[in-house]
Amino acid sequence: MTNFFRSFLRDESGAAAAEYALILAIVGAGIAGAAYYLGQQVSSGIHKAGSLVCSSSGMSC
């Protein structure tokens, strides 16, 4: 029985999968954050461009 516990504690084959999952989670969070930030910037740019078009044409938008 003690040999089983010793071999279980020395076994590191699952460590690589856990590390890859952690890296994937960090990269995924970074991509999600970048997409959110980019979406906010695009929305702001479109809103500013629309305001400029409306103000230059003299129409109420």
PDB file of N, CA and C in Angstrom:
ATOM      1  N   MET A   1       0.818  -1.197   0.000  1.00  0.00           N
ATOM      2  CA  MET A   1       0.000   0.000   0.000  1.00  0.00           C
ATOM      3  C   MET A   1       0.865   1.266   0.000  1.00  0.00           C
ATOM      4  N   THR A   2       1.963   1.220   0.734  1.00  0.00           N
ATOM      5  CA  THR A   2       2.826   2.400   0.756  1.00  0.00           C
ATOM      6  C   THR A   2       3.487   2.629  -0.593  1.00  0.00           C
ATOM      7  N   ASN A   3       3.750   1.560  -1.328  1.00  0.00           N
ATOM      8  CA  ASN A   3       4.320   1.721  -2.670  1.00  0.00           C
ATOM      9  C   ASN A   3       3.347   2.442  -3.593  1.00  0.00           C
ATOM     10  N   PHE A   4       2.071   2.170  -3.429  1.00  0.00           N
ATOM     11  CA  PHE A   4       1.060   2.837  -4.249  1.00  0.00           C
ATOM     12  C   PHE A   4       1.069   4.340  -3.994  1.00  0.00           C
ATOM     13  N   PHE A   5       1.120   4.735  -2.717  1.00  0.00           N
ATOM     14  CA  PHE A   5       1.131   6.164  -2.384  1.00  0.00           C
ATOM     15  C   PHE A   5       2.413   6.843  -2.855  1.00  0.00           C
ATOM     16  N   ARG A   6       3.523   6.141  -2.740  1.00  0.00           N
ATOM     17  CA  ARG A   6       4.789   6.712  -3.206  1.00  0.00           C
ATOM     18  C   ARG A   6       4.764   6.937  -4.714  1.00  0.00           C
ATOM     19  N   SER A   7       4.290   5.955  -5.442  1.00  0.00           N
ATOM     20  CA  SER A   7       4.234   6.112  -6.896  1.00  0.00           C
ATOM     21  C   SER A   7       3.204   7.164  -7.293  1.00  0.00           C
ATOM     22  N   PHE A   8       2.121   7.258  -6.534  1.00  0.00           N
ATOM     23  CA  PHE A   8       1.098   8.272  -6.823  1.00  0.00           C
ATOM     24  C   PHE A   8       1.651   9.677  -6.607  1.00  0.00           C
ATOM     25  N   LEU A   9       2.419   9.873  -5.550  1.00  0.00           N
ATOM     26  CA  LEU A   9       2.997  11.184  -5.266  1.00  0.00           C
ATOM     27  C   LEU A   9       4.093  11.565  -6.256  1.00  0.00           C
ATOM     28  N   ARG A  10       4.796  10.585  -6.802  1.00  0.00           N
ATOM     29  CA  ARG A  10       5.866  10.859  -7.773  1.00  0.00           C
ATOM     30  C   ARG A  10       5.342  11.050  -9.190  1.00  0.00           C
ATOM     31  N   ASP A  11       4.150  10.600  -9.455  1.00  0.00           N
ATOM     32  CA  ASP A  11       3.585  10.670 -10.805  1.00  0.00           C
ATOM     33  C   ASP A  11       3.240  12.117 -11.138  1.00  0.00           C
ATOM     34  N   GLU A  12       3.848  12.666 -12.195  1.00  0.00           N
ATOM     35  CA  GLU A  12       3.609  14.049 -12.604  1.00  0.00           C
ATOM     36  C   GLU A  12       3.011  14.132 -14.004  1.00  0.00           C
ATOM     37  N   SER A  13       2.424  13.078 -14.481  1.00  0.00           N
ATOM     38  CA  SER A  13       1.896  13.077 -15.845  1.00  0.00           C
ATOM     39  C   SER A  13       0.695  14.008 -15.989  1.00  0.00           C
ATOM     40  N   GLY A  14      -0.089  14.186 -14.948  1.00  0.00           N
ATOM     41  CA  GLY A  14      -1.241  15.083 -15.025  1.00  0.00           C
ATOM     42  C   GLY A  14      -0.889  16.538 -14.829  1.00  0.00           C
ATOM     43  N   ALA A  15       0.326  16.823 -14.373  1.00  0.00           N
ATOM     44  CA  ALA A  15       0.724  18.202 -14.122  1.00  0.00           C
ATOM     45  C   ALA A  15       0.783  19.006 -15.420  1.00  0.00           C
ATOM     46  N   ALA A  16       1.224  18.391 -16.486  1.00  0.00           N
ATOM     47  CA  ALA A  16       1.332  19.110 -17.757  1.00  0.00           C
ATOM     48  C   ALA A  16      -0.048  19.540 -18.247  1.00  0.00           C
ATOM     49  N   ALA A  17      -1.028  18.688 -18.118  1.00  0.00           N
ATOM     50  CA  ALA A  17      -2.384  19.035 -18.561  1.00  0.00           C
ATOM     51  C   ALA A  17      -2.938  20.187 -17.733  1.00  0.00           C
ATOM     52  N   ALA A  18      -2.681  20.175 -16.445  1.00  0.00           N
ATOM     53  CA  ALA A  18      -3.164  21.262 -15.594  1.00  0.00           C
ATOM     54  C   ALA A  18      -2.473  22.577 -15.944  1.00  0.00           C
ATOM     55  N   GLU A  19      -1.198  22.518 -16.244  1.00  0.00           N
ATOM     56  CA  GLU A  19      -0.472  23.731 -16.626  1.00  0.00           C
ATOM     57  C   GLU A  19      -0.984  24.277 -17.952  1.00  0.00           C
ATOM     58  N   TYR A  20      -1.244  23.410 -18.901  1.00  0.00           N
ATOM     59  CA  TYR A  20      -1.781  23.860 -20.182  1.00  0.00           C
ATOM     60  C   TYR A  20      -3.175  24.472 -20.005  1.00  0.00           C
ATOM     61  N   ALA A  21      -3.974  23.914 -19.130  1.00  0.00           N
ATOM     62  CA  ALA A  21      -5.302  24.465 -18.878  1.00  0.00           C
ATOM     63  C   ALA A  21      -5.196  25.844 -18.250  1.00  0.00           C
ATOM     64  N   LEU A  22      -4.256  26.046 -17.351  1.00  0.00           N
ATOM     65  CA  LEU A  22      -4.061  27.354 -16.729  1.00  0.00           C
ATOM     66  C   LEU A  22      -3.593  28.380 -17.752  1.00  0.00           C
ATOM     67  N   ILE A  23      -2.662  27.994 -18.605  1.00  0.00           N
ATOM     68  CA  ILE A  23      -2.197  28.901 -19.663  1.00  0.00           C
ATOM     69  C   ILE A  23      -3.339  29.255 -20.604  1.00  0.00           C
ATOM     70  N   LEU A  24      -4.133  28.270 -20.961  1.00  0.00           N
ATOM     71  CA  LEU A  24      -5.266  28.511 -21.842  1.00  0.00           C
ATOM     72  C   LEU A  24      -6.270  29.473 -21.202  1.00  0.00           C
ATOM     73  N   ALA A  25      -6.507  29.326 -19.919  1.00  0.00           N
ATOM     74  CA  ALA A  25      -7.434  30.223 -19.223  1.00  0.00           C
ATOM     75  C   ALA A  25      -6.905  31.656 -19.192  1.00  0.00           C
ATOM     76  N   ILE A  26      -5.616  31.815 -18.959  1.00  0.00           N
ATOM     77  CA  ILE A  26      -5.023  33.158 -18.919  1.00  0.00           C
ATOM     78  C   ILE A  26      -5.063  33.807 -20.298  1.00  0.00           C
ATOM     79  N   VAL A  27      -4.705  33.053 -21.324  1.00  0.00           N
ATOM     80  CA  VAL A  27      -4.732  33.590 -22.691  1.00  0.00           C
ATOM     81  C   VAL A  27      -6.168  33.919 -23.102  1.00  0.00           C
ATOM     82  N   GLY A  28      -7.103  33.055 -22.750  1.00  0.00           N
ATOM     83  CA  GLY A  28      -8.511  33.314 -23.072  1.00  0.00           C
ATOM     84  C   GLY A  28      -9.025  34.570 -22.400  1.00  0.00           C
ATOM     85  N   ALA A  29      -8.649  34.788 -21.148  1.00  0.00           N
ATOM     86  CA  ALA A  29      -9.064  36.004 -20.442  1.00  0.00           C
ATOM     87  C   ALA A  29      -8.453  37.241 -21.101  1.00  0.00           C
ATOM     88  N   GLY A  30      -7.220  37.132 -21.549  1.00  0.00           N
ATOM     89  CA  GLY A  30      -6.581  38.252 -22.243  1.00  0.00           C
ATOM     90  C   GLY A  30      -7.260  38.576 -23.556  1.00  0.00           C
ATOM     91  N   ILE A  31      -7.624  37.563 -24.300  1.00  0.00           N
ATOM     92  CA  ILE A  31      -8.321  37.773 -25.569  1.00  0.00           C
ATOM     93  C   ILE A  31      -9.697  38.387 -25.330  1.00  0.00           C
ATOM     94  N   ALA A  32     -10.398  37.913 -24.318  1.00  0.00           N
ATOM     95  CA  ALA A  32     -11.720  38.461 -24.008  1.00  0.00           C
ATOM     96  C   ALA A  32     -11.610  39.930 -23.598  1.00  0.00           C
ATOM     97  N   GLY A  33     -10.620  40.250 -22.793  1.00  0.00           N
ATOM     98  CA  GLY A  33     -10.417  41.643 -22.380  1.00  0.00           C
ATOM     99  C   GLY A  33     -10.071  42.541 -23.558  1.00  0.00           C
ATOM    100  N   ALA A  34      -9.220  42.062 -24.441  1.00  0.00           N
ATOM    101  CA  ALA A  34      -8.843  42.848 -25.617  1.00  0.00           C
ATOM    102  C   ALA A  34     -10.035  43.059 -26.541  1.00  0.00           C
ATOM    103  N   ALA A  35     -10.858  42.037 -26.715  1.00  0.00           N
ATOM    104  CA  ALA A  35     -12.042  42.164 -27.568  1.00  0.00           C
ATOM    105  C   ALA A  35     -13.032  43.165 -26.980  1.00  0.00           C
ATOM    106  N   TYR A  36     -13.200  43.143 -25.668  1.00  0.00           N
ATOM    107  CA  TYR A  36     -14.101  44.103 -25.013  1.00  0.00           C
ATOM    108  C   TYR A  36     -13.584  45.523 -25.193  1.00  0.00           C
ATOM    109  N   TYR A  37     -12.286  45.733 -24.968  1.00  0.00           N
ATOM    110  CA  TYR A  37     -11.697  47.059 -25.112  1.00  0.00           C
ATOM    111  C   TYR A  37     -11.803  47.542 -26.555  1.00  0.00           C
ATOM    112  N   LEU A  38     -11.513  46.672 -27.505  1.00  0.00           N
ATOM    113  CA  LEU A  38     -11.594  47.049 -28.915  1.00  0.00           C
ATOM    114  C   LEU A  38     -13.027  47.395 -29.302  1.00  0.00           C
ATOM    115  N   GLY A  39     -13.986  46.644 -28.803  1.00  0.00           N
ATOM    116  CA  GLY A  39     -15.383  46.936 -29.080  1.00  0.00           C
ATOM    117  C   GLY A  39     -15.801  48.295 -28.562  1.00  0.00           C
ATOM    118  N   GLN A  40     -15.329  48.652 -27.374  1.00  0.00           N
ATOM    119  CA  GLN A  40     -15.646  49.961 -26.809  1.00  0.00           C
ATOM    120  C   GLN A  40     -15.036  51.077 -27.654  1.00  0.00           C
ATOM    121  N   GLN A  41     -13.815  50.885 -28.128  1.00  0.00           N
ATOM    122  CA  GLN A  41     -13.150  51.902 -28.936  1.00  0.00           C
ATOM    123  C   GLN A  41     -13.828  52.070 -30.296  1.00  0.00           C
ATOM    124  N   VAL A  42     -14.226  50.988 -30.911  1.00  0.00           N
ATOM    125  CA  VAL A  42     -14.922  51.061 -32.200  1.00  0.00           C
ATOM    126  C   VAL A  42     -16.267  51.751 -32.026  1.00  0.00           C
ATOM    127  N   SER A  43     -16.992  51.418 -30.979  1.00  0.00           N
ATOM    128  CA  SER A  43     -18.282  52.048 -30.720  1.00  0.00           C
ATOM    129  C   SER A  43     -18.124  53.555 -30.512  1.00  0.00           C
ATOM    130  N   SER A  44     -17.120  53.928 -29.753  1.00  0.00           N
ATOM    131  CA  SER A  44     -16.878  55.352 -29.514  1.00  0.00           C
ATOM    132  C   SER A  44     -16.508  56.071 -30.811  1.00  0.00           C
ATOM    133  N   GLY A  45     -15.684  55.453 -31.643  1.00  0.00           N
ATOM    134  CA  GLY A  45     -15.296  56.064 -32.914  1.00  0.00           C
ATOM    135  C   GLY A  45     -16.473  56.232 -33.854  1.00  0.00           C
ATOM    136  N   ILE A  46     -17.354  55.252 -33.910  1.00  0.00           N
ATOM    137  CA  ILE A  46     -18.532  55.353 -34.773  1.00  0.00           C
ATOM    138  C   ILE A  46     -19.472  56.445 -34.269  1.00  0.00           C
ATOM    139  N   HIS A  47     -19.622  56.529 -32.961  1.00  0.00           N
ATOM    140  CA  HIS A  47     -20.481  57.565 -32.387  1.00  0.00           C
ATOM    141  C   HIS A  47     -19.928  58.960 -32.702  1.00  0.00           C
ATOM    142  N   LYS A  48     -18.615  59.139 -32.571  1.00  0.00           N
ATOM    143  CA  LYS A  48     -17.999  60.438 -32.874  1.00  0.00           C
ATOM    144  C   LYS A  48     -18.143  60.779 -34.351  1.00  0.00           C
ATOM    145  N   ALA A  49     -17.951  59.795 -35.225  1.00  0.00           N
ATOM    146  CA  ALA A  49     -18.077  60.038 -36.667  1.00  0.00           C
ATOM    147  C   ALA A  49     -19.521  60.407 -37.015  1.00  0.00           C
ATOM    148  N   GLY A  50     -20.477  59.738 -36.405  1.00  0.00           N
ATOM    149  CA  GLY A  50     -21.878  60.069 -36.656  1.00  0.00           C
ATOM    150  C   GLY A  50     -22.227  61.467 -36.181  1.00  0.00           C
ATOM    151  N   SER A  51     -21.686  61.861 -35.051  1.00  0.00           N
ATOM    152  CA  SER A  51     -21.921  63.212 -34.544  1.00  0.00           C
ATOM    153  C   SER A  51     -21.340  64.262 -35.472  1.00  0.00           C
ATOM    154  N   LEU A  52     -20.154  64.000 -36.030  1.00  0.00           N
ATOM    155  CA  LEU A  52     -19.543  64.948 -36.952  1.00  0.00           C
ATOM    156  C   LEU A  52     -20.348  65.058 -38.243  1.00  0.00           C
ATOM    157  N   VAL A  53     -20.856  63.958 -38.743  1.00  0.00           N
ATOM    158  CA  VAL A  53     -21.659  63.981 -39.973  1.00  0.00           C
ATOM    159  C   VAL A  53     -22.943  64.768 -39.743  1.00  0.00           C
ATOM    160  N   CYS A  54     -23.580  64.525 -38.604  1.00  0.00           N
ATOM    161  CA  CYS A  54     -24.822  65.241 -38.308  1.00  0.00           C
ATOM    162  C   CYS A  54     -24.600  66.739 -38.129  1.00  0.00           C
ATOM    163  N   SER A  55     -23.512  67.099 -37.447  1.00  0.00           N
ATOM    164  CA  SER A  55     -23.267  68.528 -37.209  1.00  0.00           C
ATOM    165  C   SER A  55     -22.847  69.258 -38.470  1.00  0.00           C
ATOM    166  N   SER A  56     -22.162  68.601 -39.382  1.00  0.00           N
ATOM    167  CA  SER A  56     -21.718  69.269 -40.607  1.00  0.00           C
ATOM    168  C   SER A  56     -22.826  69.376 -41.645  1.00  0.00           C
ATOM    169  N   SER A  57     -23.816  68.500 -41.582  1.00  0.00           N
ATOM    170  CA  SER A  57     -24.866  68.547 -42.577  1.00  0.00           C
ATOM    171  C   SER A  57     -25.986  69.516 -42.195  1.00  0.00           C
ATOM    172  N   GLY A  58     -26.009  69.944 -40.947  1.00  0.00           N
ATOM    173  CA  GLY A  58     -27.031  70.872 -40.503  1.00  0.00           C
ATOM    174  C   GLY A  58     -28.362  70.226 -40.208  1.00  0.00           C
ATOM    175  N   MET A  59     -28.431  68.922 -40.290  1.00  0.00           N
ATOM    176  CA  MET A  59     -29.663  68.206 -40.004  1.00  0.00           C
ATOM    177  C   MET A  59     -29.682  67.785 -38.539  1.00  0.00           C
ATOM    178  N   SER A  60     -30.875  67.626 -38.004  1.00  0.00           N
ATOM    179  CA  SER A  60     -30.956  67.093 -36.656  1.00  0.00           C
ATOM    180  C   SER A  60     -30.987  65.570 -36.730  1.00  0.00           C
ATOM    181  N   CYS A  61     -30.118  64.951 -36.015  1.00  0.00           N
ATOM    182  CA  CYS A  61     -30.016  63.488 -36.075  1.00  0.00           C
ATOM    183  C   CYS A  61     -30.497  62.856 -34.803  1.00  0.00           C
TER     184      CYS A  61
END
